Protein backbone atom coordinates (compact mmCIF):
# COMPACT_ATOMS: atom_id res chain seq x y z
CA MET A 1 86.42 70.26 74.58
CA ASP A 2 85.07 67.65 72.30
CA THR A 3 85.46 69.05 68.88
CA ARG A 4 82.02 68.39 68.36
CA LEU A 5 80.70 70.09 71.00
CA LEU A 6 83.12 72.88 69.69
CA LYS A 7 81.75 73.23 66.39
CA ALA A 8 78.42 73.13 67.74
CA SER A 9 79.24 76.09 70.40
CA GLN A 10 80.77 78.03 67.56
CA THR A 11 77.85 77.44 65.00
CA GLY A 12 75.18 77.58 67.34
CA SER A 13 73.78 74.33 66.84
CA THR A 14 70.95 73.19 69.32
CA VAL A 15 70.41 70.33 67.06
CA MET A 16 74.07 68.88 67.18
CA LEU A 17 73.75 69.86 70.80
CA HIS A 18 71.11 67.12 71.58
CA GLN A 19 72.28 64.81 69.31
CA LEU A 20 75.89 65.19 71.21
CA LEU A 21 73.88 64.87 74.46
CA GLN A 22 72.11 61.78 73.33
CA GLU A 23 75.33 59.80 72.28
CA ASN A 24 77.22 60.86 75.50
CA PRO A 25 74.82 62.31 78.47
CA LEU A 26 77.82 63.41 80.24
CA ILE A 27 79.71 65.24 77.50
CA LEU A 28 78.70 68.59 79.20
CA HIS A 29 80.44 67.32 82.59
CA THR A 30 83.96 66.20 81.18
CA HIS A 31 84.72 69.54 79.10
CA ASP A 32 87.11 70.20 81.93
CA LEU A 33 89.50 67.68 81.50
CA PHE A 34 90.22 69.16 77.96
CA SER A 35 89.55 73.01 77.87
CA SER A 36 89.15 75.99 80.05
CA ASP A 37 86.40 77.20 78.11
CA ASN A 38 83.09 75.96 78.51
CA PRO A 39 80.58 76.04 75.53
CA LEU A 40 78.98 79.44 76.97
CA HIS A 41 82.72 81.27 76.40
CA VAL A 42 82.66 80.23 72.88
CA ALA A 43 78.66 80.65 72.29
CA SER A 44 79.26 84.41 74.08
CA MET A 45 81.87 85.10 71.79
CA ALA A 46 79.94 84.26 68.51
CA GLY A 47 76.82 85.60 69.86
CA HIS A 48 74.40 82.58 69.39
CA VAL A 49 71.41 83.50 71.71
CA ASP A 50 69.40 80.21 71.51
CA PHE A 51 72.35 77.90 72.07
CA ILE A 52 73.40 79.93 75.30
CA ARG A 53 69.59 79.67 76.48
CA GLU A 54 69.73 76.27 76.24
CA ILE A 55 73.00 75.46 77.57
CA VAL A 56 72.16 77.84 80.96
CA ARG A 57 69.18 75.41 81.35
CA LEU A 58 71.24 72.44 81.02
CA LYS A 59 74.18 73.32 82.94
CA PRO A 60 73.43 76.82 84.89
CA GLU A 61 76.85 76.62 86.77
CA PHE A 62 79.01 77.08 83.67
CA GLY A 63 78.09 81.07 83.80
CA LYS A 64 80.22 81.40 86.67
CA GLN A 65 83.21 79.89 85.35
CA LEU A 66 86.35 81.73 84.21
CA ASN A 67 88.52 80.46 81.45
CA GLU A 68 92.43 80.78 81.45
CA ASP A 69 92.49 84.40 80.40
CA GLY A 70 90.08 85.23 83.37
CA PHE A 71 86.99 85.57 81.52
CA SER A 72 83.15 84.47 82.23
CA PRO A 73 80.82 84.23 79.44
CA ILE A 74 78.90 87.34 80.63
CA HIS A 75 82.20 89.18 80.36
CA ILE A 76 82.78 88.18 77.11
CA ALA A 77 79.45 88.98 75.83
CA SER A 78 79.66 92.48 77.90
CA ALA A 79 82.71 93.41 75.93
CA LYS A 80 80.77 92.12 72.61
CA GLY A 81 77.99 94.31 73.88
CA TYR A 82 75.40 91.27 73.13
CA LEU A 83 72.42 92.57 75.19
CA GLU A 84 70.12 89.58 74.76
CA ILE A 85 73.12 86.96 75.87
CA VAL A 86 73.54 88.81 78.79
CA ARG A 87 69.83 89.02 79.64
CA GLU A 88 69.69 85.43 79.49
CA LEU A 89 72.77 84.88 81.86
CA LEU A 90 71.18 87.42 84.50
CA ARG A 91 67.98 85.44 84.34
CA VAL A 92 69.87 82.23 85.70
CA ASP A 93 72.00 84.35 88.13
CA GLN A 94 71.60 88.31 88.53
CA GLY A 95 74.70 87.93 90.77
CA LEU A 96 76.65 87.40 87.55
CA CYS A 97 76.77 91.09 87.31
CA ARG A 98 79.39 91.72 89.97
CA LEU A 99 81.40 88.47 88.81
CA GLU A 100 84.93 89.60 89.09
CA GLY A 101 87.34 88.67 86.36
CA ARG A 102 90.82 89.48 85.24
CA ASN A 103 92.50 92.40 87.14
CA LYS A 104 88.69 92.65 89.18
CA TRP A 105 87.17 93.85 85.84
CA THR A 106 83.20 93.07 86.13
CA PRO A 107 80.74 92.86 83.33
CA LEU A 108 80.13 96.61 83.89
CA HIS A 109 83.34 97.51 83.36
CA PHE A 110 83.80 96.25 80.02
CA ALA A 111 80.34 97.71 79.00
CA ALA A 112 81.22 101.10 80.41
CA SER A 113 84.42 100.79 78.48
CA ARG A 114 83.22 99.97 75.28
CA GLY A 115 80.53 102.14 75.07
CA TRP A 116 77.36 99.94 75.20
CA SER A 117 75.00 101.98 76.83
CA ASN A 118 72.30 99.64 76.66
CA LEU A 119 74.07 97.02 78.67
CA VAL A 120 74.80 99.59 81.37
CA LYS A 121 71.41 100.69 81.78
CA ASP A 122 70.69 96.93 82.50
CA PHE A 123 73.33 96.38 84.93
CA LEU A 124 72.47 99.25 86.81
CA LEU A 125 68.68 98.34 86.52
CA VAL A 126 69.62 94.66 87.70
CA CYS A 127 72.52 95.48 90.12
CA PRO A 128 72.75 99.12 90.79
CA GLN A 129 75.59 98.42 93.56
CA SER A 130 77.70 97.35 90.93
CA LEU A 131 78.34 101.00 89.67
CA GLU A 132 80.48 100.97 93.12
CA ASP A 133 82.72 98.05 92.03
CA VAL A 134 86.36 98.90 91.36
CA THR A 135 89.17 97.42 89.18
CA VAL A 136 92.50 96.44 90.56
CA GLN A 137 93.28 99.98 89.74
CA LYS A 138 90.27 101.04 92.04
CA GLU A 139 88.46 102.32 88.84
CA THR A 140 85.13 102.40 88.69
CA SER A 141 82.95 101.91 85.58
CA LEU A 142 82.51 105.68 85.48
CA HIS A 143 86.32 106.24 85.64
CA LEU A 144 86.66 103.88 82.66
CA ALA A 145 83.77 105.42 80.34
CA ILE A 146 85.42 108.51 80.67
CA LYS A 147 89.11 107.34 80.38
CA ASN A 148 87.69 105.95 77.02
CA SER A 149 85.67 108.76 76.02
CA GLN A 150 82.25 106.95 76.13
CA PHE A 151 79.99 109.93 76.31
CA GLU A 152 76.52 108.16 75.85
CA VAL A 153 77.54 106.00 78.48
CA VAL A 154 78.85 108.46 80.85
CA ASP A 155 75.39 110.62 80.45
CA VAL A 156 73.57 107.53 81.03
CA MET A 157 75.43 106.80 84.38
CA LEU A 158 75.40 110.85 85.58
CA ALA A 159 71.45 110.60 84.89
CA TRP A 160 71.36 107.26 87.00
CA ILE A 161 73.59 108.94 89.96
CA LYS A 162 71.43 111.83 89.82
CA GLU A 163 67.99 109.92 89.98
CA LYS A 164 69.39 107.73 93.08
CA LYS A 165 71.02 110.69 94.77
CA ARG A 166 74.12 108.57 94.88
CA ASP A 167 76.73 111.56 94.30
CA ASP A 168 79.15 110.14 96.73
CA ILE A 169 80.35 107.62 93.63
CA LEU A 170 81.72 111.30 91.70
CA ASN A 171 84.27 111.39 94.65
CA MET A 172 85.29 108.15 94.54
CA ARG A 173 89.37 107.77 93.33
CA ASP A 174 91.47 105.51 91.38
CA GLU A 175 94.87 104.23 92.85
CA PHE A 176 96.48 107.41 91.72
CA GLY A 177 93.92 109.29 93.70
CA ASN A 178 91.98 110.64 90.85
CA SER A 179 88.53 111.56 90.78
CA VAL A 180 86.35 111.30 87.56
CA LEU A 181 86.31 115.29 87.38
CA HIS A 182 90.49 114.78 87.43
CA LEU A 183 90.11 112.81 84.29
CA ALA A 184 87.42 114.28 82.70
CA THR A 185 89.98 117.57 82.84
CA TRP A 186 92.67 115.61 82.10
CA ARG A 187 91.14 114.41 78.90
CA ARG A 188 89.65 117.80 78.20
CA HIS A 189 86.08 116.43 77.97
CA ARG A 190 84.41 119.93 78.25
CA GLN A 191 80.96 118.15 78.43
CA VAL A 192 81.77 115.90 80.92
CA VAL A 193 83.28 118.66 83.15
CA GLU A 194 79.79 120.69 83.04
CA TRP A 195 77.98 117.57 83.81
CA LEU A 196 79.81 116.73 86.48
CA ILE A 197 80.04 120.42 87.89
CA GLY A 198 76.33 120.53 87.42
CA PHE A 199 75.96 118.35 90.29
CA GLY A 200 77.17 121.11 92.62
CA ASN A 201 80.19 121.02 95.14
CA THR A 202 81.10 121.58 98.60
CA THR A 203 81.12 125.11 98.23
CA THR A 204 77.54 125.46 96.62
CA GLY A 205 76.06 122.72 98.93
CA GLY A 206 76.64 119.57 96.36
CA THR A 207 78.83 116.67 97.02
CA LEU A 208 81.27 117.15 94.01
CA VAL A 209 84.66 117.75 95.73
CA VAL A 210 86.24 120.23 92.81
CA ASN A 211 89.23 120.82 94.64
CA SER A 212 89.94 117.07 95.91
CA VAL A 213 94.04 116.66 95.37
CA ASN A 214 95.28 113.49 93.86
CA LYS A 215 98.35 111.54 94.79
CA SER A 216 100.53 113.67 93.16
CA GLY A 217 98.92 116.78 94.98
CA LEU A 218 97.17 118.29 92.02
CA THR A 219 93.53 119.08 91.75
CA ALA A 220 91.70 119.27 88.55
CA LEU A 221 92.61 122.64 87.65
CA ASP A 222 96.37 122.00 87.97
CA LEU A 223 95.92 119.11 85.91
CA LEU A 224 94.24 121.32 83.34
CA LEU A 225 97.10 123.91 83.69
CA ILE A 226 100.02 121.60 83.23
CA PHE A 227 99.86 121.70 79.49
CA PRO A 228 97.93 124.99 78.62
CA SER A 229 97.00 126.26 75.19
CA GLU A 230 94.71 123.16 73.86
CA ALA A 231 91.33 123.51 72.21
CA GLY A 232 88.76 123.77 74.65
CA ASP A 233 90.95 124.95 77.80
CA ARG A 234 89.20 128.36 78.41
CA GLU A 235 86.05 126.89 78.47
CA ILE A 236 86.79 124.35 80.87
CA ASP A 237 89.16 126.83 82.90
CA GLU A 238 85.85 128.99 83.09
CA LEU A 239 83.78 126.20 83.98
CA LEU A 240 86.17 125.11 87.05
CA ARG A 241 86.60 128.47 88.34
CA LYS A 242 83.01 129.08 88.45
CA ALA A 243 82.46 126.20 90.52
CA GLY A 244 85.16 127.22 93.02
CA ALA A 245 88.42 125.17 91.65
CA LYS A 246 91.56 126.29 92.92
CA ARG A 247 95.11 125.15 92.51
CA ALA A 248 96.50 123.08 95.09
CA ASN A 249 98.68 125.61 96.40
CA ASP A 250 96.24 128.31 96.54
CA THR A 251 93.89 125.93 98.66
CA LEU A 252 96.53 125.63 101.45
CA PHE A 253 95.91 129.42 102.02
CA SER A 254 92.48 130.13 100.79
CA SER A 255 91.08 131.46 104.03
CA SER A 256 92.95 133.25 107.34
CA PRO A 257 94.17 130.01 109.43
CA SER A 258 94.58 130.46 112.82
CA SER A 259 98.18 129.59 114.24
CA PHE A 260 97.32 125.92 114.48
CA GLU A 261 95.89 126.03 111.41
CA TYR A 262 99.37 127.92 109.52
CA ASN A 263 101.55 125.61 111.21
CA THR A 264 99.17 122.44 109.85
CA ASN A 265 99.20 124.14 106.40
CA GLN A 266 102.94 124.86 106.55
CA GLN A 267 103.85 121.24 107.29
CA THR A 268 101.55 119.99 104.62
CA MET A 269 103.19 122.55 102.30
CA GLU A 270 106.86 120.90 103.05
CA THR A 271 105.23 117.76 102.89
CA HIS A 272 104.10 118.15 99.46
CA CYS A 273 107.29 120.02 98.04
CA THR A 274 109.50 117.14 99.40
CA SER A 275 107.47 114.57 97.76
CA GLU A 276 106.07 116.43 94.76
CA SER A 277 108.93 115.30 92.68
CA GLU A 278 108.38 111.71 93.30
CA ASP A 279 104.89 112.02 93.04
CA ASP A 280 104.99 113.43 89.52
CA LEU A 281 107.60 110.74 88.63
CA LEU A 282 104.66 108.08 89.80
CA TYR A 283 102.08 109.99 88.27
CA PHE A 284 103.37 110.55 84.70
CA ARG A 285 105.45 107.17 84.57
CA PHE A 286 104.06 104.54 82.13
CA LYS A 287 102.04 101.74 83.85
CA LYS A 288 100.93 98.74 81.62
CA GLY A 289 97.09 98.27 81.60
CA ARG A 290 96.53 101.98 82.24
CA ASP A 291 98.24 103.50 79.46
CA SER A 292 98.23 102.90 75.48
CA PRO A 293 100.96 101.10 74.09
CA SER A 294 100.35 102.95 71.23
CA ASP A 295 101.27 106.04 73.06
CA ALA A 296 104.02 104.79 74.56
CA ARG A 297 105.34 103.46 71.43
CA ASN A 298 104.87 106.79 69.73
CA ALA A 299 106.37 108.88 72.55
CA LEU A 300 109.68 106.42 72.18
CA LEU A 301 109.80 106.80 68.33
CA VAL A 302 109.86 110.65 69.09
CA MET A 303 112.61 110.36 71.26
CA ALA A 304 114.69 107.83 69.25
CA VAL A 305 113.89 110.33 66.21
CA LEU A 306 115.12 113.38 68.25
CA MET A 307 118.14 111.51 69.52
CA ALA A 308 119.12 110.37 65.93
CA THR A 309 118.72 113.68 64.63
CA ALA A 310 121.28 115.26 67.58
CA THR A 311 124.08 112.50 67.46
CA PHE A 312 124.30 112.95 63.57
CA GLN A 313 124.23 116.67 63.46
CA VAL A 314 127.04 116.69 66.17
CA GLY A 315 128.84 113.66 64.26
CA ILE A 316 128.83 115.68 60.99
CA ASN A 317 129.90 118.78 62.93
CA PRO A 318 132.38 117.93 65.65
CA PRO A 319 133.45 119.83 68.68
CA SER A 320 136.02 122.69 67.76
CA GLY A 321 135.37 122.09 63.96
CA VAL A 322 137.59 121.12 61.17
CA TRP A 323 140.99 122.37 59.62
CA GLN A 324 140.46 124.82 56.80
CA ASP A 325 143.95 124.37 55.64
CA SER A 326 146.46 121.36 55.35
CA ASP A 327 150.13 121.40 57.00
CA PRO A 328 151.58 118.39 56.37
CA ASN A 329 154.31 119.16 58.94
CA GLY A 330 153.13 121.22 61.65
CA ASN A 331 154.89 123.66 63.45
CA GLY A 332 155.57 124.73 67.42
CA THR A 333 151.83 125.83 67.64
CA THR A 334 149.89 123.47 65.49
CA PRO A 335 150.22 120.14 65.16
CA LYS A 336 150.25 118.30 61.27
CA HIS A 337 146.69 118.33 60.04
CA VAL A 338 145.00 118.15 56.30
CA ALA A 339 142.00 120.37 55.49
CA GLY A 340 138.58 118.97 56.66
CA SER A 341 139.99 117.03 59.60
CA SER A 342 138.94 117.23 62.83
CA ILE A 343 140.98 120.22 65.11
CA LEU A 344 140.03 118.37 68.32
CA GLY A 345 141.36 114.94 67.03
CA SER A 346 144.51 116.55 66.05
CA TYR A 347 145.23 117.91 69.82
CA SER A 348 144.00 114.94 71.49
CA GLN A 349 143.54 111.44 70.35
CA VAL A 350 142.09 110.31 73.47
CA SER A 351 139.20 112.91 73.74
CA PHE A 352 138.20 112.80 69.92
CA THR A 353 138.20 108.53 70.36
CA LEU A 354 135.80 108.80 73.31
CA PHE A 355 133.47 111.69 71.46
CA VAL A 356 133.30 109.52 68.16
CA VAL A 357 132.77 106.04 70.55
CA PHE A 358 129.85 107.61 72.22
CA ASN A 359 128.44 109.69 69.44
CA SER A 360 128.25 106.68 67.17
CA LEU A 361 127.01 104.53 70.04
CA GLY A 362 123.85 107.31 70.51
CA LEU A 363 123.18 107.16 66.99
CA SER A 364 123.43 103.45 66.53
CA LEU A 365 121.23 102.82 69.43
CA SER A 366 118.91 105.49 68.26
CA LEU A 367 118.48 104.01 65.09
CA TYR A 368 118.32 100.22 66.49
CA MET A 369 115.00 101.75 68.37
CA ILE A 370 113.64 103.21 65.33
CA THR A 371 113.87 100.05 63.42
CA ILE A 372 112.15 97.92 66.36
CA LEU A 373 109.25 100.47 66.84
CA THR A 374 108.85 100.58 62.93
CA LYS A 375 108.93 96.76 62.54
CA ASN A 376 105.92 95.28 60.51
CA LEU A 377 105.00 98.87 59.00
CA PRO A 378 104.74 99.11 55.39
CA MET A 379 107.71 99.55 53.35
CA GLN A 380 110.09 98.03 55.20
CA LEU A 381 112.72 97.43 52.71
CA GLU A 382 112.63 101.05 51.63
CA PHE A 383 112.67 102.16 55.44
CA GLN A 384 115.90 100.09 55.79
CA LEU A 385 117.53 101.44 52.90
CA CYS A 386 117.02 105.25 54.23
CA VAL A 387 118.60 104.07 57.70
CA THR A 388 121.57 102.22 55.89
CA ALA A 389 122.10 105.59 53.78
CA LEU A 390 121.84 107.57 56.67
CA TYR A 391 124.80 105.89 58.56
CA PHE A 392 126.60 105.55 55.86
CA THR A 393 126.70 109.01 55.26
CA TYR A 394 127.21 109.88 58.80
CA TYR A 395 130.32 106.92 58.89
CA THR A 396 131.81 108.48 55.67
CA GLY A 397 131.67 112.16 57.23
CA LEU A 398 133.32 110.75 60.45
CA THR A 399 136.06 109.06 59.00
CA SER A 400 137.12 111.67 56.37
CA MET A 401 137.38 113.86 59.40
CA ALA A 402 139.78 111.50 61.77
CA PRO A 403 143.07 113.01 61.72
CA LEU A 404 146.14 111.40 60.12
CA ASN A 405 147.50 109.25 63.34
CA GLY A 406 146.78 106.48 64.73
CA ILE A 407 143.21 106.56 65.97
CA ARG A 408 141.80 106.93 62.30
CA THR A 409 142.23 103.22 61.83
CA VAL A 410 140.41 102.59 65.19
CA ILE A 411 137.58 105.00 64.46
CA VAL A 412 137.33 103.45 61.04
CA VAL A 413 136.98 99.77 62.53
CA LEU A 414 134.72 100.79 65.51
CA SER A 415 132.20 103.13 63.31
CA GLY A 416 131.78 100.04 60.72
CA VAL A 417 131.48 97.42 63.42
CA LEU A 418 129.08 99.17 65.95
CA PRO A 419 125.62 98.90 63.94
CA PRO A 420 125.77 95.13 63.35
CA THR A 421 126.69 94.34 66.75
CA ILE A 422 123.93 96.97 68.44
CA PRO A 423 121.09 94.14 69.15
CA HIS A 424 123.72 91.45 70.55
CA LEU A 425 125.24 94.46 72.63
CA VAL A 426 121.91 95.20 74.03
CA LYS A 427 121.07 91.62 75.10
CA LEU A 428 124.30 91.33 76.70
CA THR A 429 123.69 94.29 78.80
CA ARG A 430 120.23 93.09 79.86
CA LEU A 431 122.05 90.09 80.94
CA ILE A 432 124.45 91.63 82.78
CA ILE A 433 122.29 93.92 84.41
CA MET A 434 119.94 90.75 85.39
CA LYS A 435 122.75 88.89 86.81
CA SER A 436 124.08 91.71 88.62
CA LYS A 437 120.73 91.98 90.26
CA ILE A 438 120.49 88.59 91.41
CA VAL A 439 123.85 88.40 92.81
CA LEU A 440 122.98 91.72 95.03
CA GLN A 441 119.80 90.33 96.15
CA TYR A 442 121.73 87.19 97.23
CA LEU A 443 124.52 89.12 99.11
CA SER A 444 121.71 91.39 100.84
CA LYS A 445 119.93 88.08 101.93
CA SER A 446 123.08 86.85 103.05
CA LEU A 447 124.28 89.59 104.99
CA CYS A 448 121.00 90.01 106.77
């Protein structure tokens, strides 16, 4: 894009825009040669309504263009919450409200996930069918609003659904088979659960399926009971049970089945049991774009701290303990030793060496993970000094417990060299794994 046109878009100067058009009437037609962002993208990001009004008058097709990130001007305006800009774009083309961007997100998806209830009202008024649109993960805008705890938006959408009698939208499922009731229960949104149940369910003549089972074989009540004793669980449990909610296993035998029904239920139960572990792994596995990177980082940090604690504790308290006395010569029943040295190392050099190698490797890797996960946080120098002091304490204790034989030198050198080589070992291991996969794929194709 021409630098002057870019500046005009950033500042929202319509005067500069007309000056540029007088100098070069084709300036709006040549921007594609230099940038994927058109003036509407830039002005939508900055929130310049008057400039956008003038651009769409001159070049309305700009409204449909996606930039290299997969966003159109109306996607950007919806994410930012610029109501007037969205209205200007919709005046030109109402079909923009269902324009799919990256991962098939529509403007309504952005507005719902960000909590812009005024935008949601406009989208539902102009384009009510957009509430049915789903992302690449099969999530509706109602899914996203609940997932992001946007209660005002949820209230607006549910009021619209009730008014238009579109209760079927409540039972739409994402790629994991979760309905909005699953998500509201999983997120412990008591108010949303109460709103959803207020629509009625299949047992009371309504259309909300309270006992729908997701791809992990879980109902909404199952999700609530997986991790019990959280705040508000009792109230949500009572709401669900009053609405007829059951656990997945209970729904299979909720009535007296005939012989054919019993066999069908038995087969369903067997299939569920055999695939339950795989489905649970799929459901709880981290998925980029669905799960928060911050939550994943916190989980990894907790695991790294636990591993560091365990390996440090085991390292300074080795198996079999340490000798309480010294015997420089040894006798027929005990080998020579000094007080404070490892009993295991005195009897079996190989076992003690393996113990030291793998325990030191575990501690070094966990400390390396902690360092990576806490990078760019404040007080980095103090933290690095703490990590160094921790490993030095471990190293001192471990080497002092090494028995007086040939392995002491090996342990001293190995324990001292291991920490600085961990990053290189990790990179080398990843490279070997990647090369091995390529070789295996090539061999499998050759054999086929």
